[in-house]
Amino acid sequence: GGGLVQPGGSLRLSCAASGLLFSHTVMSWYRQAPGKERE
């Protein structure tokens, strides 16, 4: 779902998980910009 968008635009990221008990798993999104720490 990643890509290039203009300011003010929208995007939806998707993550497909397998091999775990998904309903009992904490799911998170992180991001890391160039030269910066992952947040």
PDB file of all heavy atoms in Angstrom:
ATOM      1  N   GLY A   1       0.767  -1.229   0.000  1.00  0.00           N
ATOM      2  CA  GLY A   1       0.000   0.000   0.000  1.00  0.00           C
ATOM      3  C   GLY A   1       0.799   1.280   0.000  1.00  0.00           C
ATOM      4  O   GLY A   1       0.222   2.367  -0.107  1.00  0.00           O
ATOM      5  N   GLY A   2       2.112   1.186   0.134  1.00  0.00           N
ATOM      6  CA  GLY A   2       2.926   2.384   0.108  1.00  0.00           C
ATOM      7  C   GLY A   2       2.976   2.994  -1.278  1.00  0.00           C
ATOM      8  O   GLY A   2       2.577   2.388  -2.269  1.00  0.00           O
ATOM      9  N   GLY A   3       3.463   4.224  -1.335  1.00  0.00           N
ATOM     10  CA  GLY A   3       3.563   4.900  -2.615  1.00  0.00           C
ATOM     11  C   GLY A   3       3.764   6.381  -2.457  1.00  0.00           C
ATOM     12  O   GLY A   3       4.089   6.878  -1.375  1.00  0.00           O
ATOM     13  N   LEU A   4       3.567   7.092  -3.551  1.00  0.00           N
ATOM     14  CA  LEU A   4       3.728   8.540  -3.607  1.00  0.00           C
ATOM     15  C   LEU A   4       2.367   9.209  -3.612  1.00  0.00           C
ATOM     16  O   LEU A   4       1.508   8.870  -4.432  1.00  0.00           O
ATOM     17  CB  LEU A   4       4.509   8.930  -4.863  1.00  0.00           C
ATOM     18  CG  LEU A   4       4.634  10.419  -5.163  1.00  0.00           C
ATOM     19  CD1 LEU A   4       5.451  11.118  -4.083  1.00  0.00           C
ATOM     20  CD2 LEU A   4       5.264  10.619  -6.535  1.00  0.00           C
ATOM     21  N   VAL A   5       2.179  10.150  -2.701  1.00  0.00           N
ATOM     22  CA  VAL A   5       0.935  10.911  -2.631  1.00  0.00           C
ATOM     23  C   VAL A   5       1.260  12.379  -2.414  1.00  0.00           C
ATOM     24  O   VAL A   5       2.321  12.734  -1.912  1.00  0.00           O
ATOM     25  CB  VAL A   5       0.003  10.419  -1.508  1.00  0.00           C
ATOM     26  CG1 VAL A   5      -0.465   8.998  -1.783  1.00  0.00           C
ATOM     27  CG2 VAL A   5       0.697  10.497  -0.162  1.00  0.00           C
ATOM     28  N   GLN A   6       0.320  13.234  -2.795  1.00  0.00           N
ATOM     29  CA  GLN A   6       0.477  14.661  -2.578  1.00  0.00           C
ATOM     30  C   GLN A   6       0.056  15.046  -1.171  1.00  0.00           C
ATOM     31  O   GLN A   6      -0.743  14.346  -0.539  1.00  0.00           O
ATOM     32  CB  GLN A   6      -0.352  15.441  -3.593  1.00  0.00           C
ATOM     33  CG  GLN A   6       0.084  15.255  -5.034  1.00  0.00           C
ATOM     34  CD  GLN A   6      -0.645  16.175  -5.990  1.00  0.00           C
ATOM     35  OE1 GLN A   6      -1.094  17.255  -5.597  1.00  0.00           O
ATOM     36  NE2 GLN A   6      -0.751  15.766  -7.233  1.00  0.00           N
ATOM     37  N   PRO A   7       0.597  16.142  -0.651  1.00  0.00           N
ATOM     38  CA  PRO A   7       0.139  16.611   0.658  1.00  0.00           C
ATOM     39  C   PRO A   7      -1.372  16.767   0.685  1.00  0.00           C
ATOM     40  O   PRO A   7      -1.977  17.268  -0.263  1.00  0.00           O
ATOM     41  CB  PRO A   7       0.845  17.958   0.818  1.00  0.00           C
ATOM     42  CG  PRO A   7       2.076  17.822  -0.016  1.00  0.00           C
ATOM     43  CD  PRO A   7       1.660  16.982  -1.206  1.00  0.00           C
ATOM     44  N   GLY A   8      -1.971  16.335   1.782  1.00  0.00           N
ATOM     45  CA  GLY A   8      -3.416  16.356   1.910  1.00  0.00           C
ATOM     46  C   GLY A   8      -4.097  15.111   1.405  1.00  0.00           C
ATOM     47  O   GLY A   8      -5.304  14.928   1.635  1.00  0.00           O
ATOM     48  N   GLY A   9      -3.358  14.258   0.741  1.00  0.00           N
ATOM     49  CA  GLY A   9      -3.911  13.036   0.209  1.00  0.00           C
ATOM     50  C   GLY A   9      -4.020  11.944   1.244  1.00  0.00           C
ATOM     51  O   GLY A   9      -3.675  12.118   2.410  1.00  0.00           O
ATOM     52  N   SER A  10      -4.492  10.791   0.800  1.00  0.00           N
ATOM     53  CA  SER A  10      -4.716   9.652   1.680  1.00  0.00           C
ATOM     54  C   SER A  10      -4.076   8.402   1.107  1.00  0.00           C
ATOM     55  O   SER A  10      -3.881   8.273  -0.098  1.00  0.00           O
ATOM     56  CB  SER A  10      -6.217   9.404   1.879  1.00  0.00           C
ATOM     57  OG  SER A  10      -6.849  10.500   2.514  1.00  0.00           O
ATOM     58  N   LEU A  11      -3.791   7.487   2.003  1.00  0.00           N
ATOM     59  CA  LEU A  11      -3.192   6.225   1.630  1.00  0.00           C
ATOM     60  C   LEU A  11      -3.562   5.202   2.694  1.00  0.00           C
ATOM     61  O   LEU A  11      -3.675   5.556   3.870  1.00  0.00           O
ATOM     62  CB  LEU A  11      -1.673   6.371   1.546  1.00  0.00           C
ATOM     63  CG  LEU A  11      -0.862   5.413   0.678  1.00  0.00           C
ATOM     64  CD1 LEU A  11      -1.266   5.533  -0.778  1.00  0.00           C
ATOM     65  CD2 LEU A  11       0.622   5.717   0.843  1.00  0.00           C
ATOM     66  N   ARG A  12      -3.736   3.966   2.296  1.00  0.00           N
ATOM     67  CA  ARG A  12      -3.995   2.908   3.258  1.00  0.00           C
ATOM     68  C   ARG A  12      -2.948   1.825   3.127  1.00  0.00           C
ATOM     69  O   ARG A  12      -2.793   1.226   2.060  1.00  0.00           O
ATOM     70  CB  ARG A  12      -5.385   2.297   3.091  1.00  0.00           C
ATOM     71  CG  ARG A  12      -5.731   1.334   4.243  1.00  0.00           C
ATOM     72  CD  ARG A  12      -7.148   0.836   4.206  1.00  0.00           C
ATOM     73  NE  ARG A  12      -7.323  -0.293   3.302  1.00  0.00           N
ATOM     74  CZ  ARG A  12      -8.276  -1.205   3.430  1.00  0.00           C
ATOM     75  NH1 ARG A  12      -9.158  -1.113   4.421  1.00  0.00           N
ATOM     76  NH2 ARG A  12      -8.362  -2.185   2.550  1.00  0.00           N
ATOM     77  N   LEU A  13      -2.257   1.578   4.215  1.00  0.00           N
ATOM     78  CA  LEU A  13      -1.278   0.510   4.279  1.00  0.00           C
ATOM     79  C   LEU A  13      -1.927  -0.752   4.814  1.00  0.00           C
ATOM     80  O   LEU A  13      -2.796  -0.693   5.685  1.00  0.00           O
ATOM     81  CB  LEU A  13      -0.107   0.893   5.178  1.00  0.00           C
ATOM     82  CG  LEU A  13       0.611   2.205   4.862  1.00  0.00           C
ATOM     83  CD1 LEU A  13       1.780   2.400   5.816  1.00  0.00           C
ATOM     84  CD2 LEU A  13       1.068   2.237   3.412  1.00  0.00           C
ATOM     85  N   SER A  14      -1.491  -1.884   4.301  1.00  0.00           N
ATOM     86  CA  SER A  14      -2.000  -3.172   4.739  1.00  0.00           C
ATOM     87  C   SER A  14      -0.852  -4.058   5.176  1.00  0.00           C
ATOM     88  O   SER A  14       0.248  -3.976   4.632  1.00  0.00           O
ATOM     89  CB  SER A  14      -2.774  -3.873   3.615  1.00  0.00           C
ATOM     90  OG  SER A  14      -3.881  -3.103   3.201  1.00  0.00           O
ATOM     91  N   CYS A  15      -1.130  -4.904   6.143  1.00  0.00           N
ATOM     92  CA  CYS A  15      -0.155  -5.865   6.629  1.00  0.00           C
ATOM     93  C   CYS A  15      -0.854  -7.195   6.813  1.00  0.00           C
ATOM     94  O   CYS A  15      -1.799  -7.298   7.606  1.00  0.00           O
ATOM     95  CB  CYS A  15       0.464  -5.387   7.943  1.00  0.00           C
ATOM     96  SG  CYS A  15       1.589  -6.566   8.720  1.00  0.00           S
ATOM     97  N   ALA A  16      -0.409  -8.192   6.079  1.00  0.00           N
ATOM     98  CA  ALA A  16      -0.958  -9.533   6.173  1.00  0.00           C
ATOM     99  C   ALA A  16      -0.052 -10.377   7.056  1.00  0.00           C
ATOM    100  O   ALA A  16       1.142 -10.517   6.777  1.00  0.00           O
ATOM    101  CB  ALA A  16      -1.092 -10.155   4.788  1.00  0.00           C
ATOM    102  N   ALA A  17      -0.621 -10.924   8.104  1.00  0.00           N
ATOM    103  CA  ALA A  17       0.139 -11.718   9.062  1.00  0.00           C
ATOM    104  C   ALA A  17      -0.203 -13.189   8.927  1.00  0.00           C
ATOM    105  O   ALA A  17      -1.348 -13.556   8.649  1.00  0.00           O
ATOM    106  CB  ALA A  17      -0.142 -11.250  10.486  1.00  0.00           C
ATOM    107  N   SER A  18       0.782 -14.019   9.138  1.00  0.00           N
ATOM    108  CA  SER A  18       0.576 -15.454   9.129  1.00  0.00           C
ATOM    109  C   SER A  18       1.506 -16.101  10.140  1.00  0.00           C
ATOM    110  O   SER A  18       2.552 -15.553  10.485  1.00  0.00           O
ATOM    111  CB  SER A  18       0.806 -16.047   7.735  1.00  0.00           C
ATOM    112  OG  SER A  18       2.139 -15.829   7.304  1.00  0.00           O
ATOM    113  N   GLY A  19       1.111 -17.266  10.611  1.00  0.00           N
ATOM    114  CA  GLY A  19       1.960 -18.024  11.504  1.00  0.00           C
ATOM    115  C   GLY A  19       1.873 -17.647  12.970  1.00  0.00           C
ATOM    116  O   GLY A  19       2.716 -18.078  13.760  1.00  0.00           O
ATOM    117  N   LEU A  20       0.870 -16.861  13.345  1.00  0.00           N
ATOM    118  CA  LEU A  20       0.699 -16.493  14.738  1.00  0.00           C
ATOM    119  C   LEU A  20      -0.778 -16.410  15.094  1.00  0.00           C
ATOM    120  O   LEU A  20      -1.636 -16.362  14.210  1.00  0.00           O
ATOM    121  CB  LEU A  20       1.425 -15.185  15.066  1.00  0.00           C
ATOM    122  CG  LEU A  20       1.194 -13.970  14.167  1.00  0.00           C
ATOM    123  CD1 LEU A  20      -0.164 -13.335  14.432  1.00  0.00           C
ATOM    124  CD2 LEU A  20       2.296 -12.950  14.378  1.00  0.00           C
ATOM    125  N   LEU A  21      -1.037 -16.398  16.395  1.00  0.00           N
ATOM    126  CA  LEU A  21      -2.406 -16.249  16.877  1.00  0.00           C
ATOM    127  C   LEU A  21      -2.738 -14.771  16.832  1.00  0.00           C
ATOM    128  O   LEU A  21      -2.539 -14.031  17.800  1.00  0.00           O
ATOM    129  CB  LEU A  21      -2.535 -16.818  18.292  1.00  0.00           C
ATOM    130  CG  LEU A  21      -3.944 -16.894  18.879  1.00  0.00           C
ATOM    131  CD1 LEU A  21      -4.840 -17.754  18.000  1.00  0.00           C
ATOM    132  CD2 LEU A  21      -3.893 -17.451  20.291  1.00  0.00           C
ATOM    133  N   PHE A  22      -3.263 -14.339  15.708  1.00  0.00           N
ATOM    134  CA  PHE A  22      -3.396 -12.926  15.414  1.00  0.00           C
ATOM    135  C   PHE A  22      -4.252 -12.188  16.435  1.00  0.00           C
ATOM    136  O   PHE A  22      -3.924 -11.063  16.832  1.00  0.00           O
ATOM    137  CB  PHE A  22      -3.965 -12.755  14.006  1.00  0.00           C
ATOM    138  CG  PHE A  22      -3.982 -11.345  13.518  1.00  0.00           C
ATOM    139  CD1 PHE A  22      -2.834 -10.765  12.996  1.00  0.00           C
ATOM    140  CD2 PHE A  22      -5.139 -10.591  13.568  1.00  0.00           C
ATOM    141  CE1 PHE A  22      -2.843  -9.465  12.539  1.00  0.00           C
ATOM    142  CE2 PHE A  22      -5.164  -9.292  13.112  1.00  0.00           C
ATOM    143  CZ  PHE A  22      -4.010  -8.729  12.597  1.00  0.00           C
ATOM    144  N   SER A  23      -5.331 -12.792  16.863  1.00  0.00           N
ATOM    145  CA  SER A  23      -6.241 -12.115  17.772  1.00  0.00           C
ATOM    146  C   SER A  23      -5.631 -11.864  19.144  1.00  0.00           C
ATOM    147  O   SER A  23      -6.166 -11.055  19.903  1.00  0.00           O
ATOM    148  CB  SER A  23      -7.536 -12.916  17.925  1.00  0.00           C
ATOM    149  OG  SER A  23      -7.283 -14.194  18.481  1.00  0.00           O
ATOM    150  N   HIS A  24      -4.551 -12.529  19.462  1.00  0.00           N
ATOM    151  CA  HIS A  24      -3.863 -12.350  20.732  1.00  0.00           C
ATOM    152  C   HIS A  24      -2.495 -11.711  20.544  1.00  0.00           C
ATOM    153  O   HIS A  24      -1.593 -11.926  21.354  1.00  0.00           O
ATOM    154  CB  HIS A  24      -3.732 -13.689  21.453  1.00  0.00           C
ATOM    155  CG  HIS A  24      -5.044 -14.267  21.880  1.00  0.00           C
ATOM    156  ND1 HIS A  24      -5.554 -14.094  23.144  1.00  0.00           N
ATOM    157  CD2 HIS A  24      -5.964 -14.994  21.205  1.00  0.00           C
ATOM    158  CE1 HIS A  24      -6.719 -14.698  23.238  1.00  0.00           C
ATOM    159  NE2 HIS A  24      -6.999 -15.247  22.066  1.00  0.00           N
ATOM    160  N   THR A  25      -2.353 -10.940  19.503  1.00  0.00           N
ATOM    161  CA  THR A  25      -1.099 -10.311  19.156  1.00  0.00           C
ATOM    162  C   THR A  25      -1.256  -8.797  19.120  1.00  0.00           C
ATOM    163  O   THR A  25      -2.242  -8.285  18.586  1.00  0.00           O
ATOM    164  CB  THR A  25      -0.602 -10.814  17.789  1.00  0.00           C
ATOM    165  OG1 THR A  25      -0.415 -12.229  17.849  1.00  0.00           O
ATOM    166  CG2 THR A  25       0.704 -10.146  17.403  1.00  0.00           C
ATOM    167  N   VAL A  26      -0.292  -8.110  19.701  1.00  0.00           N
ATOM    168  CA  VAL A  26      -0.256  -6.655  19.610  1.00  0.00           C
ATOM    169  C   VAL A  26       0.302  -6.280  18.245  1.00  0.00           C
ATOM    170  O   VAL A  26       1.416  -6.667  17.898  1.00  0.00           O
ATOM    171  CB  VAL A  26       0.605  -6.041  20.721  1.00  0.00           C
ATOM    172  CG1 VAL A  26       0.581  -4.523  20.622  1.00  0.00           C
ATOM    173  CG2 VAL A  26       0.120  -6.502  22.090  1.00  0.00           C
ATOM    174  N   MET A  27      -0.458  -5.528  17.479  1.00  0.00           N
ATOM    175  CA  MET A  27      -0.027  -5.097  16.162  1.00  0.00           C
ATOM    176  C   MET A  27       0.260  -3.602  16.183  1.00  0.00           C
ATOM    177  O   MET A  27      -0.514  -2.822  16.737  1.00  0.00           O
ATOM    178  CB  MET A  27      -1.088  -5.403  15.114  1.00  0.00           C
ATOM    179  CG  MET A  27      -1.439  -6.878  14.980  1.00  0.00           C
ATOM    180  SD  MET A  27      -0.019  -7.910  14.494  1.00  0.00           S
ATOM    181  CE  MET A  27       0.440  -7.157  12.931  1.00  0.00           C
ATOM    182  N   SER A  28       1.363  -3.238  15.567  1.00  0.00           N
ATOM    183  CA  SER A  28       1.777  -1.841  15.562  1.00  0.00           C
ATOM    184  C   SER A  28       2.303  -1.447  14.198  1.00  0.00           C
ATOM    185  O   SER A  28       2.752  -2.290  13.415  1.00  0.00           O
ATOM    186  CB  SER A  28       2.865  -1.580  16.606  1.00  0.00           C
ATOM    187  OG  SER A  28       2.405  -1.845  17.917  1.00  0.00           O
ATOM    188  N   TRP A  29       2.250  -0.158  13.949  1.00  0.00           N
ATOM    189  CA  TRP A  29       2.923   0.449  12.810  1.00  0.00           C
ATOM    190  C   TRP A  29       4.009   1.380  13.330  1.00  0.00           C
ATOM    191  O   TRP A  29       3.760   2.193  14.234  1.00  0.00           O
ATOM    192  CB  TRP A  29       1.958   1.239  11.929  1.00  0.00           C
ATOM    193  CG  TRP A  29       1.029   0.384  11.133  1.00  0.00           C
ATOM    194  CD1 TRP A  29      -0.244   0.029  11.459  1.00  0.00           C
ATOM    195  CD2 TRP A  29       1.306  -0.209   9.865  1.00  0.00           C
ATOM    196  NE1 TRP A  29      -0.787  -0.756  10.470  1.00  0.00           N
ATOM    197  CE2 TRP A  29       0.144  -0.919   9.478  1.00  0.00           C
ATOM    198  CE3 TRP A  29       2.410  -0.216   9.014  1.00  0.00           C
ATOM    199  CZ2 TRP A  29       0.051  -1.624   8.283  1.00  0.00           C
ATOM    200  CZ3 TRP A  29       2.342  -0.919   7.820  1.00  0.00           C
ATOM    201  CH2 TRP A  29       1.174  -1.608   7.466  1.00  0.00           C
ATOM    202  N   TYR A  30       5.183   1.244  12.759  1.00  0.00           N
ATOM    203  CA  TYR A  30       6.302   2.128  13.016  1.00  0.00           C
ATOM    204  C   TYR A  30       6.688   2.818  11.724  1.00  0.00           C
ATOM    205  O   TYR A  30       6.311   2.381  10.633  1.00  0.00           O
ATOM    206  CB  TYR A  30       7.513   1.356  13.544  1.00  0.00           C
ATOM    207  CG  TYR A  30       7.417   0.874  14.980  1.00  0.00           C
ATOM    208  CD1 TYR A  30       6.590  -0.184  15.323  1.00  0.00           C
ATOM    209  CD2 TYR A  30       8.173   1.474  15.978  1.00  0.00           C
ATOM    210  CE1 TYR A  30       6.511  -0.635  16.629  1.00  0.00           C
ATOM    211  CE2 TYR A  30       8.108   1.026  17.288  1.00  0.00           C
ATOM    212  CZ  TYR A  30       7.278  -0.024  17.604  1.00  0.00           C
ATOM    213  OH  TYR A  30       7.209  -0.475  18.908  1.00  0.00           O
ATOM    214  N   ARG A  31       7.465   3.877  11.848  1.00  0.00           N
ATOM    215  CA  ARG A  31       8.005   4.506  10.657  1.00  0.00           C
ATOM    216  C   ARG A  31       9.406   5.022  10.949  1.00  0.00           C
ATOM    217  O   ARG A  31       9.754   5.319  12.092  1.00  0.00           O
ATOM    218  CB  ARG A  31       7.113   5.637  10.156  1.00  0.00           C
ATOM    219  CG  ARG A  31       7.048   6.854  11.076  1.00  0.00           C
ATOM    220  CD  ARG A  31       6.047   7.859  10.529  1.00  0.00           C
ATOM    221  NE  ARG A  31       5.982   9.064  11.344  1.00  0.00           N
ATOM    222  CZ  ARG A  31       5.100  10.042  11.165  1.00  0.00           C
ATOM    223  NH1 ARG A  31       4.204   9.949  10.183  1.00  0.00           N
ATOM    224  NH2 ARG A  31       5.118  11.107  11.955  1.00  0.00           N
ATOM    225  N   GLN A  32      10.191   5.119   9.891  1.00  0.00           N
ATOM    226  CA  GLN A  32      11.547   5.619  10.011  1.00  0.00           C
ATOM    227  C   GLN A  32      11.872   6.477   8.795  1.00  0.00           C
ATOM    228  O   GLN A  32      11.871   5.996   7.669  1.00  0.00           O
ATOM    229  CB  GLN A  32      12.550   4.472  10.128  1.00  0.00           C
ATOM    230  CG  GLN A  32      13.964   4.928  10.429  1.00  0.00           C
ATOM    231  CD  GLN A  32      14.865   3.779  10.844  1.00  0.00           C
ATOM    232  OE1 GLN A  32      14.609   2.625  10.524  1.00  0.00           O
ATOM    233  NE2 GLN A  32      15.918   4.100  11.567  1.00  0.00           N
ATOM    234  N   ALA A  33      12.147   7.740   9.057  1.00  0.00           N
ATOM    235  CA  ALA A  33      12.543   8.672   8.021  1.00  0.00           C
ATOM    236  C   ALA A  33      14.061   8.654   7.893  1.00  0.00           C
ATOM    237  O   ALA A  33      14.773   8.276   8.833  1.00  0.00           O
ATOM    238  CB  ALA A  33      12.049  10.076   8.351  1.00  0.00           C
ATOM    239  N   PRO A  34      14.587   9.065   6.745  1.00  0.00           N
ATOM    240  CA  PRO A  34      16.038   9.074   6.559  1.00  0.00           C
ATOM    241  C   PRO A  34      16.743   9.881   7.645  1.00  0.00           C
ATOM    242  O   PRO A  34      16.367  11.016   7.931  1.00  0.00           O
ATOM    243  CB  PRO A  34      16.211   9.718   5.183  1.00  0.00           C
ATOM    244  CG  PRO A  34      14.937   9.415   4.466  1.00  0.00           C
ATOM    245  CD  PRO A  34      13.875   9.492   5.531  1.00  0.00           C
ATOM    246  N   GLY A  35      17.757   9.285   8.247  1.00  0.00           N
ATOM    247  CA  GLY A  35      18.534   9.960   9.267  1.00  0.00           C
ATOM    248  C   GLY A  35      17.865  10.073  10.614  1.00  0.00           C
ATOM    249  O   GLY A  35      18.425  10.717  11.512  1.00  0.00           O
ATOM    250  N   LYS A  36      16.707   9.461  10.785  1.00  0.00           N
ATOM    251  CA  LYS A  36      15.988   9.554  12.042  1.00  0.00           C
ATOM    252  C   LYS A  36      15.751   8.172  12.632  1.00  0.00           C
ATOM    253  O   LYS A  36      15.846   7.160  11.943  1.00  0.00           O
ATOM    254  CB  LYS A  36      14.646  10.268  11.847  1.00  0.00           C
ATOM    255  CG  LYS A  36      14.767  11.700  11.370  1.00  0.00           C
ATOM    256  CD  LYS A  36      13.426  12.374  11.322  1.00  0.00           C
ATOM    257  CE  LYS A  36      13.556  13.815  10.850  1.00  0.00           C
ATOM    258  NZ  LYS A  36      14.345  14.625  11.800  1.00  0.00           N
ATOM    259  N   GLU A  37      15.448   8.154  13.921  1.00  0.00           N
ATOM    260  CA  GLU A  37      15.161   6.902  14.596  1.00  0.00           C
ATOM    261  C   GLU A  37      13.781   6.388  14.220  1.00  0.00           C
ATOM    262  O   GLU A  37      12.884   7.156  13.873  1.00  0.00           O
ATOM    263  CB  GLU A  37      15.243   7.078  16.115  1.00  0.00           C
ATOM    264  CG  GLU A  37      16.631   7.400  16.638  1.00  0.00           C
ATOM    265  CD  GLU A  37      16.668   7.467  18.150  1.00  0.00           C
ATOM    266  OE1 GLU A  37      15.592   7.568  18.774  1.00  0.00           O
ATOM    267  OE2 GLU A  37      17.771   7.410  18.707  1.00  0.00           O
ATOM    268  N   ARG A  38      13.638   5.091  14.301  1.00  0.00           N
ATOM    269  CA  ARG A  38      12.335   4.491  14.080  1.00  0.00           C
ATOM    270  C   ARG A  38      11.397   4.883  15.225  1.00  0.00           C
ATOM    271  O   ARG A  38      11.774   4.832  16.401  1.00  0.00           O
ATOM    272  CB  ARG A  38      12.467   2.976  13.988  1.00  0.00           C
ATOM    273  CG  ARG A  38      11.204   2.266  13.555  1.00  0.00           C
ATOM    274  CD  ARG A  38      11.467   0.790  13.268  1.00  0.00           C
ATOM    275  NE  ARG A  38      12.420   0.611  12.184  1.00  0.00           N
ATOM    276  CZ  ARG A  38      12.769  -0.567  11.681  1.00  0.00           C
ATOM    277  NH1 ARG A  38      12.224  -1.675  12.159  1.00  0.00           N
ATOM    278  NH2 ARG A  38      13.662  -0.628  10.700  1.00  0.00           N
ATOM    279  N   GLU A  39      10.182   5.266  14.884  1.00  0.00           N
ATOM    280  CA  GLU A  39       9.238   5.717  15.886  1.00  0.00           C
ATOM    281  C   GLU A  39       7.922   4.963  15.779  1.00  0.00           C
ATOM    282  O   GLU A  39       7.490   4.577  14.691  1.00  0.00           O
ATOM    283  CB  GLU A  39       8.979   7.223  15.767  1.00  0.00           C
ATOM    284  CG  GLU A  39       8.322   7.641  14.467  1.00  0.00           C
ATOM    285  CD  GLU A  39       7.955   9.110  14.430  1.00  0.00           C
ATOM    286  OE1 GLU A  39       7.826   9.720  15.510  1.00  0.00           O
ATOM    287  OE2 GLU A  39       7.803   9.653  13.320  1.00  0.00           O
TER     288      GLU A  39
END
